[in-house]
Amino acid sequence: MATTITLDSRHFKAAADKARELGKTPRTYIQSLIDADTLTFDEILAPVRESFANGGATEEKLDEAVNEARKAIHVQSRRKPGK
């Protein structure tokens, strides 16, 4: 079933600008927003999980990378501005 929606000029311009940034038409951009809103968390993560599995990384390596990033953020957040 096809339907038509009407957008005011401000919303259409915003959608058209964002679509152009992404190399899409306004129609496909708006469709992608709707599709993304209906995905489950598992569906969203599926490509990440597949890439992770195909990259040969282990859960231990991922845990280590996350812990190192947390430490770096913690150290950075404790520094005083200007130092």
Protein backbone atom coordinates (compact mmCIF):
# COMPACT_ATOMS: atom_id res chain seq x y z
CA MET A 1 0.00 0.00 0.00
CA ALA A 2 1.36 3.40 -0.93
CA THR A 3 0.35 6.56 0.83
CA THR A 4 1.32 10.20 0.63
CA ILE A 5 2.44 12.35 3.50
CA THR A 6 2.66 16.11 3.46
CA LEU A 7 5.55 17.94 5.06
CA ASP A 8 5.80 21.66 5.59
CA SER A 9 8.67 23.33 3.74
CA ARG A 10 10.96 23.41 6.79
CA HIS A 11 10.65 19.67 7.42
CA PHE A 12 10.97 18.81 3.73
CA LYS A 13 14.10 20.95 3.40
CA ALA A 14 15.64 19.28 6.47
CA ALA A 15 14.86 15.83 5.07
CA ALA A 16 16.15 16.75 1.61
CA ASP A 17 19.37 18.22 3.03
CA LYS A 18 20.05 15.15 5.18
CA ALA A 19 19.17 12.82 2.30
CA ARG A 20 21.62 14.63 0.04
CA GLU A 21 24.36 14.30 2.73
CA LEU A 22 23.73 10.56 2.80
CA GLY A 23 23.47 10.17 -0.98
CA LYS A 24 19.78 9.29 -0.82
CA THR A 25 16.56 10.75 -2.10
CA PRO A 26 14.23 12.34 0.46
CA ARG A 27 11.87 9.40 -0.04
CA THR A 28 14.49 6.73 0.65
CA TYR A 29 15.88 8.73 3.56
CA ILE A 30 12.45 8.97 5.22
CA GLN A 31 11.83 5.28 4.53
CA SER A 32 15.16 4.43 6.18
CA LEU A 33 14.11 6.39 9.29
CA ILE A 34 10.90 4.40 9.54
CA ASP A 35 12.73 1.12 8.93
CA ALA A 36 15.32 1.96 11.60
CA ASP A 37 12.59 2.80 14.10
CA THR A 38 10.98 -0.61 13.65
CA LEU A 39 14.15 -2.69 14.03
CA THR A 40 14.83 -4.65 17.18
CA PHE A 41 18.09 -4.19 19.05
CA ASP A 42 19.22 -7.62 17.79
CA GLU A 43 18.52 -6.59 14.19
CA ILE A 44 20.47 -3.36 14.64
CA LEU A 45 23.46 -5.22 16.09
CA ALA A 46 23.44 -8.07 13.55
CA PRO A 47 25.93 -6.41 11.15
CA VAL A 48 28.22 -5.51 14.05
CA ARG A 49 28.13 -9.05 15.38
CA GLU A 50 28.80 -10.48 11.93
CA SER A 51 31.74 -8.14 11.38
CA PHE A 52 33.08 -8.98 14.83
CA ALA A 53 32.81 -12.72 14.18
CA ASN A 54 34.40 -12.44 10.72
CA GLY A 55 37.23 -10.27 12.03
CA GLY A 56 38.59 -13.04 14.22
CA ALA A 57 38.27 -11.06 17.44
CA THR A 58 37.40 -12.81 20.66
CA GLU A 59 35.18 -11.68 23.51
CA GLU A 60 38.32 -11.37 25.61
CA LYS A 61 39.88 -8.96 23.09
CA LEU A 62 36.70 -6.93 23.01
CA ASP A 63 36.57 -6.80 26.82
CA GLU A 64 40.18 -5.66 26.89
CA ALA A 65 39.55 -2.92 24.31
CA VAL A 66 36.50 -1.67 26.21
CA ASN A 67 38.37 -1.64 29.51
CA GLU A 68 41.28 0.28 27.98
CA ALA A 69 38.87 2.83 26.50
CA ARG A 70 37.15 3.23 29.87
CA LYS A 71 40.48 3.81 31.60
CA ALA A 72 41.51 6.40 29.02
CA ILE A 73 38.19 8.24 29.36
CA HIS A 74 38.45 8.14 33.15
CA VAL A 75 41.98 9.57 33.10
CA GLN A 76 40.98 12.25 30.59
CA SER A 77 37.88 13.26 32.57
CA ARG A 78 39.92 13.68 35.77
CA ARG A 79 42.39 16.08 34.17
CA LYS A 80 41.82 19.73 34.86
CA PRO A 81 41.06 21.96 31.86
CA GLY A 82 44.14 23.64 30.43
CA LYS A 83 46.62 20.99 31.60
